[in-house]
Amino acid sequence: MAAPDLPTLRDIHLPPSPSWWPPAPGWWLLALLLLAALAFALWRLRQAWRRRRRHRAILAEWDRLGSPPADAAALPAWLAQVSQFLRRLSRAVRPEAAALQGADWIRFLDRHDDGFAAYADALTDAPYRPASAGIDAPRLQALVRGHVWRVLHSELRNV
């Protein structure tokens, strides 16, 4: 270079800094992955909320039934309510349980929780009998409570 050209030279110009928009393809991919993860998390939360709502409704209905009455005259009505509750609970898990009656219904219950066969007459015929003598109602209540717990914590978890 000749000395006379030095005054006409300009300083080094840097290119403009890169813009933040549009982002690089990797950022788009990351945004899509985050959106998919958020959608999946919301879907799972909604499922869990529905399941908890169903569990609360089942437990509230069980609490409304209360303890077996001490009065033998009121026991058949309580047994009928327990049987209806068990039917609704079983139908929530297995729709085919709705059509079962009598011995088939008791076999279905006994297949899922041992002990219901001892209360076959109480659960199927008690509403039609004048007195339900000889029924261990507290044991039946404990059996039903265990059945409710098992259904809520195993079978309804997958529904």
C-alpha atoms as a PDB file:
ATOM      1  CA  MET A   1       0.000   0.000   0.000  1.00  0.00           C
ATOM      2  CA  ALA A   2       1.115   3.346  -0.758  1.00  0.00           C
ATOM      3  CA  ALA A   3       1.276   6.038   1.850  1.00  0.00           C
ATOM      4  CA  PRO A   4      -1.197   8.320   0.034  1.00  0.00           C
ATOM      5  CA  ASP A   5      -3.978   5.671   0.428  1.00  0.00           C
ATOM      6  CA  LEU A   6      -3.776   5.550   4.229  1.00  0.00           C
ATOM      7  CA  PRO A   7      -6.038   8.569   4.858  1.00  0.00           C
ATOM      8  CA  THR A   8      -8.773   7.105   2.650  1.00  0.00           C
ATOM      9  CA  LEU A   9      -8.963   3.758   4.482  1.00  0.00           C
ATOM     10  CA  ARG A  10     -11.896   3.245   6.776  1.00  0.00           C
ATOM     11  CA  ASP A  11     -11.884   1.393  10.066  1.00  0.00           C
ATOM     12  CA  ILE A  12     -12.945  -2.299  10.252  1.00  0.00           C
ATOM     13  CA  HIS A  13     -16.727  -2.615  10.306  1.00  0.00           C
ATOM     14  CA  LEU A  14     -18.235  -5.469  12.301  1.00  0.00           C
ATOM     15  CA  PRO A  15     -21.356  -7.158  10.969  1.00  0.00           C
ATOM     16  CA  PRO A  16     -24.606  -6.343  12.751  1.00  0.00           C
ATOM     17  CA  SER A  17     -25.243  -8.426  15.866  1.00  0.00           C
ATOM     18  CA  PRO A  18     -27.575 -11.355  15.245  1.00  0.00           C
ATOM     19  CA  SER A  19     -31.234 -10.776  15.973  1.00  0.00           C
ATOM     20  CA  TRP A  20     -32.952 -12.732  18.713  1.00  0.00           C
ATOM     21  CA  TRP A  21     -35.870 -13.357  16.380  1.00  0.00           C
ATOM     22  CA  PRO A  22     -36.449 -15.782  14.748  1.00  0.00           C
ATOM     23  CA  PRO A  23     -34.761 -18.251  17.051  1.00  0.00           C
ATOM     24  CA  ALA A  24     -32.584 -21.043  15.824  1.00  0.00           C
ATOM     25  CA  PRO A  25     -34.248 -24.406  15.020  1.00  0.00           C
ATOM     26  CA  GLY A  26     -33.006 -25.906  18.268  1.00  0.00           C
ATOM     27  CA  TRP A  27     -34.987 -23.362  20.266  1.00  0.00           C
ATOM     28  CA  TRP A  28     -38.130 -24.202  18.273  1.00  0.00           C
ATOM     29  CA  LEU A  29     -37.612 -27.871  19.054  1.00  0.00           C
ATOM     30  CA  LEU A  30     -37.083 -27.115  22.731  1.00  0.00           C
ATOM     31  CA  ALA A  31     -40.260 -25.006  22.788  1.00  0.00           C
ATOM     32  CA  LEU A  32     -42.238 -27.847  21.200  1.00  0.00           C
ATOM     33  CA  LEU A  33     -40.868 -30.339  23.716  1.00  0.00           C
ATOM     34  CA  LEU A  34     -41.748 -28.039  26.610  1.00  0.00           C
ATOM     35  CA  LEU A  35     -45.243 -27.517  25.218  1.00  0.00           C
ATOM     36  CA  ALA A  36     -45.727 -31.275  24.850  1.00  0.00           C
ATOM     37  CA  ALA A  37     -44.475 -31.851  28.404  1.00  0.00           C
ATOM     38  CA  LEU A  38     -46.824 -29.176  29.718  1.00  0.00           C
ATOM     39  CA  ALA A  39     -49.782 -30.679  27.839  1.00  0.00           C
ATOM     40  CA  PHE A  40     -48.947 -34.140  29.192  1.00  0.00           C
ATOM     41  CA  ALA A  41     -48.624 -32.815  32.745  1.00  0.00           C
ATOM     42  CA  LEU A  42     -51.969 -31.025  32.492  1.00  0.00           C
ATOM     43  CA  TRP A  43     -53.611 -34.157  31.121  1.00  0.00           C
ATOM     44  CA  ARG A  44     -52.233 -36.244  34.013  1.00  0.00           C
ATOM     45  CA  LEU A  45     -53.309 -33.626  36.553  1.00  0.00           C
ATOM     46  CA  ARG A  46     -56.808 -33.652  35.100  1.00  0.00           C
ATOM     47  CA  GLN A  47     -56.921 -37.454  35.314  1.00  0.00           C
ATOM     48  CA  ALA A  48     -55.729 -37.367  38.911  1.00  0.00           C
ATOM     49  CA  TRP A  49     -58.256 -34.671  39.791  1.00  0.00           C
ATOM     50  CA  ARG A  50     -61.103 -36.711  38.290  1.00  0.00           C
ATOM     51  CA  ARG A  51     -59.929 -39.835  40.079  1.00  0.00           C
ATOM     52  CA  ARG A  52     -59.714 -37.990  43.409  1.00  0.00           C
ATOM     53  CA  ARG A  53     -63.164 -36.501  42.832  1.00  0.00           C
ATOM     54  CA  ARG A  54     -64.553 -39.984  42.185  1.00  0.00           C
ATOM     55  CA  HIS A  55     -62.772 -41.326  45.284  1.00  0.00           C
ATOM     56  CA  ARG A  56     -64.166 -38.508  47.421  1.00  0.00           C
ATOM     57  CA  ALA A  57     -67.688 -39.183  46.125  1.00  0.00           C
ATOM     58  CA  ILE A  58     -67.394 -42.893  46.907  1.00  0.00           C
ATOM     59  CA  LEU A  59     -66.035 -42.231  50.391  1.00  0.00           C
ATOM     60  CA  ALA A  60     -68.725 -39.615  51.056  1.00  0.00           C
ATOM     61  CA  GLU A  61     -71.415 -42.089  50.059  1.00  0.00           C
ATOM     62  CA  TRP A  62     -69.877 -44.716  52.313  1.00  0.00           C
ATOM     63  CA  ASP A  63     -69.791 -42.206  55.181  1.00  0.00           C
ATOM     64  CA  ARG A  64     -73.468 -41.373  54.586  1.00  0.00           C
ATOM     65  CA  LEU A  65     -74.336 -45.031  55.119  1.00  0.00           C
ATOM     66  CA  GLY A  66     -72.806 -44.817  58.558  1.00  0.00           C
ATOM     67  CA  SER A  67     -72.470 -47.608  61.039  1.00  0.00           C
ATOM     68  CA  PRO A  68     -74.910 -50.485  61.185  1.00  0.00           C
ATOM     69  CA  PRO A  69     -77.936 -49.583  63.273  1.00  0.00           C
ATOM     70  CA  ALA A  70     -78.277 -51.111  66.712  1.00  0.00           C
ATOM     71  CA  ASP A  71     -81.995 -51.570  66.132  1.00  0.00           C
ATOM     72  CA  ALA A  72     -82.686 -54.922  64.431  1.00  0.00           C
ATOM     73  CA  ALA A  73     -85.720 -53.438  62.674  1.00  0.00           C
ATOM     74  CA  ALA A  74     -83.551 -50.859  60.865  1.00  0.00           C
ATOM     75  CA  LEU A  75     -80.882 -53.382  59.871  1.00  0.00           C
ATOM     76  CA  PRO A  76     -82.618 -54.639  56.679  1.00  0.00           C
ATOM     77  CA  ALA A  77     -82.780 -51.096  55.275  1.00  0.00           C
ATOM     78  CA  TRP A  78     -79.092 -50.562  56.063  1.00  0.00           C
ATOM     79  CA  LEU A  79     -78.185 -53.873  54.420  1.00  0.00           C
ATOM     80  CA  ALA A  80     -80.151 -52.880  51.315  1.00  0.00           C
ATOM     81  CA  GLN A  81     -78.250 -49.593  51.163  1.00  0.00           C
ATOM     82  CA  VAL A  82     -74.932 -51.420  51.560  1.00  0.00           C
ATOM     83  CA  SER A  83     -75.862 -53.802  48.756  1.00  0.00           C
ATOM     84  CA  GLN A  84     -76.823 -50.902  46.474  1.00  0.00           C
ATOM     85  CA  PHE A  85     -73.594 -49.111  47.349  1.00  0.00           C
ATOM     86  CA  LEU A  86     -71.568 -52.223  46.502  1.00  0.00           C
ATOM     87  CA  ARG A  87     -73.403 -52.492  43.176  1.00  0.00           C
ATOM     88  CA  ARG A  88     -72.624 -48.888  42.261  1.00  0.00           C
ATOM     89  CA  LEU A  89     -69.008 -49.322  43.305  1.00  0.00           C
ATOM     90  CA  SER A  90     -68.616 -52.527  41.306  1.00  0.00           C
ATOM     91  CA  ARG A  91     -70.321 -51.024  38.272  1.00  0.00           C
ATOM     92  CA  ALA A  92     -67.803 -48.173  38.312  1.00  0.00           C
ATOM     93  CA  VAL A  93     -64.987 -50.689  37.947  1.00  0.00           C
ATOM     94  CA  ARG A  94     -66.613 -53.464  35.917  1.00  0.00           C
ATOM     95  CA  PRO A  95     -69.746 -52.531  33.941  1.00  0.00           C
ATOM     96  CA  GLU A  96     -70.709 -56.197  33.538  1.00  0.00           C
ATOM     97  CA  ALA A  97     -71.395 -56.315  37.291  1.00  0.00           C
ATOM     98  CA  ALA A  98     -74.597 -54.316  36.773  1.00  0.00           C
ATOM     99  CA  ALA A  99     -76.410 -57.299  35.268  1.00  0.00           C
ATOM    100  CA  LEU A 100     -75.485 -59.772  38.010  1.00  0.00           C
ATOM    101  CA  GLN A 101     -78.130 -60.881  40.485  1.00  0.00           C
ATOM    102  CA  GLY A 102     -78.466 -63.229  43.417  1.00  0.00           C
ATOM    103  CA  ALA A 103     -75.803 -65.908  43.652  1.00  0.00           C
ATOM    104  CA  ASP A 104     -73.917 -64.552  40.630  1.00  0.00           C
ATOM    105  CA  TRP A 105     -73.658 -61.157  42.339  1.00  0.00           C
ATOM    106  CA  ILE A 106     -72.329 -62.706  45.545  1.00  0.00           C
ATOM    107  CA  ARG A 107     -69.841 -64.857  43.600  1.00  0.00           C
ATOM    108  CA  PHE A 108     -68.624 -61.705  41.850  1.00  0.00           C
ATOM    109  CA  LEU A 109     -68.096 -59.961  45.204  1.00  0.00           C
ATOM    110  CA  ASP A 110     -66.508 -63.025  46.767  1.00  0.00           C
ATOM    111  CA  ARG A 111     -64.163 -63.437  43.796  1.00  0.00           C
ATOM    112  CA  HIS A 112     -62.867 -59.905  44.378  1.00  0.00           C
ATOM    113  CA  ASP A 113     -62.804 -60.043  48.177  1.00  0.00           C
ATOM    114  CA  ASP A 114     -63.187 -63.231  50.186  1.00  0.00           C
ATOM    115  CA  GLY A 115     -65.831 -63.151  52.873  1.00  0.00           C
ATOM    116  CA  PHE A 116     -68.902 -61.918  51.045  1.00  0.00           C
ATOM    117  CA  ALA A 117     -70.273 -65.452  50.617  1.00  0.00           C
ATOM    118  CA  ALA A 118     -71.044 -65.521  54.349  1.00  0.00           C
ATOM    119  CA  TYR A 119     -73.344 -62.534  53.835  1.00  0.00           C
ATOM    120  CA  ALA A 120     -75.052 -63.753  50.667  1.00  0.00           C
ATOM    121  CA  ASP A 121     -78.514 -63.881  52.220  1.00  0.00           C
ATOM    122  CA  ALA A 122     -78.008 -60.615  54.060  1.00  0.00           C
ATOM    123  CA  LEU A 123     -76.992 -58.698  50.945  1.00  0.00           C
ATOM    124  CA  THR A 124     -79.577 -60.162  48.597  1.00  0.00           C
ATOM    125  CA  ASP A 125     -82.645 -60.995  50.713  1.00  0.00           C
ATOM    126  CA  ALA A 126     -82.440 -58.804  53.836  1.00  0.00           C
ATOM    127  CA  PRO A 127     -84.689 -56.028  52.498  1.00  0.00           C
ATOM    128  CA  TYR A 128     -87.452 -58.581  52.010  1.00  0.00           C
ATOM    129  CA  ARG A 129     -87.189 -60.230  55.414  1.00  0.00           C
ATOM    130  CA  PRO A 130     -88.809 -58.840  58.539  1.00  0.00           C
ATOM    131  CA  ALA A 131     -85.745 -59.257  60.774  1.00  0.00           C
ATOM    132  CA  SER A 132     -82.094 -59.811  60.016  1.00  0.00           C
ATOM    133  CA  ALA A 133     -81.070 -61.814  63.029  1.00  0.00           C
ATOM    134  CA  GLY A 134     -77.723 -63.508  63.251  1.00  0.00           C
ATOM    135  CA  ILE A 135     -75.893 -61.046  61.011  1.00  0.00           C
ATOM    136  CA  ASP A 136     -72.557 -59.769  62.217  1.00  0.00           C
ATOM    137  CA  ALA A 137     -73.115 -56.234  60.899  1.00  0.00           C
ATOM    138  CA  PRO A 138     -69.838 -54.741  62.220  1.00  0.00           C
ATOM    139  CA  ARG A 139     -67.868 -57.495  60.475  1.00  0.00           C
ATOM    140  CA  LEU A 140     -69.809 -56.867  57.266  1.00  0.00           C
ATOM    141  CA  GLN A 141     -69.082 -53.153  57.617  1.00  0.00           C
ATOM    142  CA  ALA A 142     -65.355 -53.889  58.005  1.00  0.00           C
ATOM    143  CA  LEU A 143     -65.477 -56.224  55.005  1.00  0.00           C
ATOM    144  CA  VAL A 144     -67.172 -53.581  52.858  1.00  0.00           C
ATOM    145  CA  ARG A 145     -64.729 -50.915  54.073  1.00  0.00           C
ATOM    146  CA  GLY A 146     -61.829 -53.149  53.030  1.00  0.00           C
ATOM    147  CA  HIS A 147     -63.477 -53.755  49.662  1.00  0.00           C
ATOM    148  CA  VAL A 148     -63.920 -50.011  49.156  1.00  0.00           C
ATOM    149  CA  TRP A 149     -60.284 -49.374  50.055  1.00  0.00           C
ATOM    150  CA  ARG A 150     -59.054 -52.066  47.660  1.00  0.00           C
ATOM    151  CA  VAL A 151     -61.217 -50.815  44.806  1.00  0.00           C
ATOM    152  CA  LEU A 152     -60.136 -47.212  45.343  1.00  0.00           C
ATOM    153  CA  HIS A 153     -56.444 -48.028  45.558  1.00  0.00           C
ATOM    154  CA  SER A 154     -56.117 -50.649  42.870  1.00  0.00           C
ATOM    155  CA  GLU A 155     -58.933 -50.984  40.376  1.00  0.00           C
ATOM    156  CA  LEU A 156     -60.205 -47.402  40.136  1.00  0.00           C
ATOM    157  CA  ARG A 157     -56.647 -46.161  39.793  1.00  0.00           C
ATOM    158  CA  ASN A 158     -56.589 -47.573  36.264  1.00  0.00           C
ATOM    159  CA  VAL A 159     -60.057 -46.435  35.226  1.00  0.00           C
END
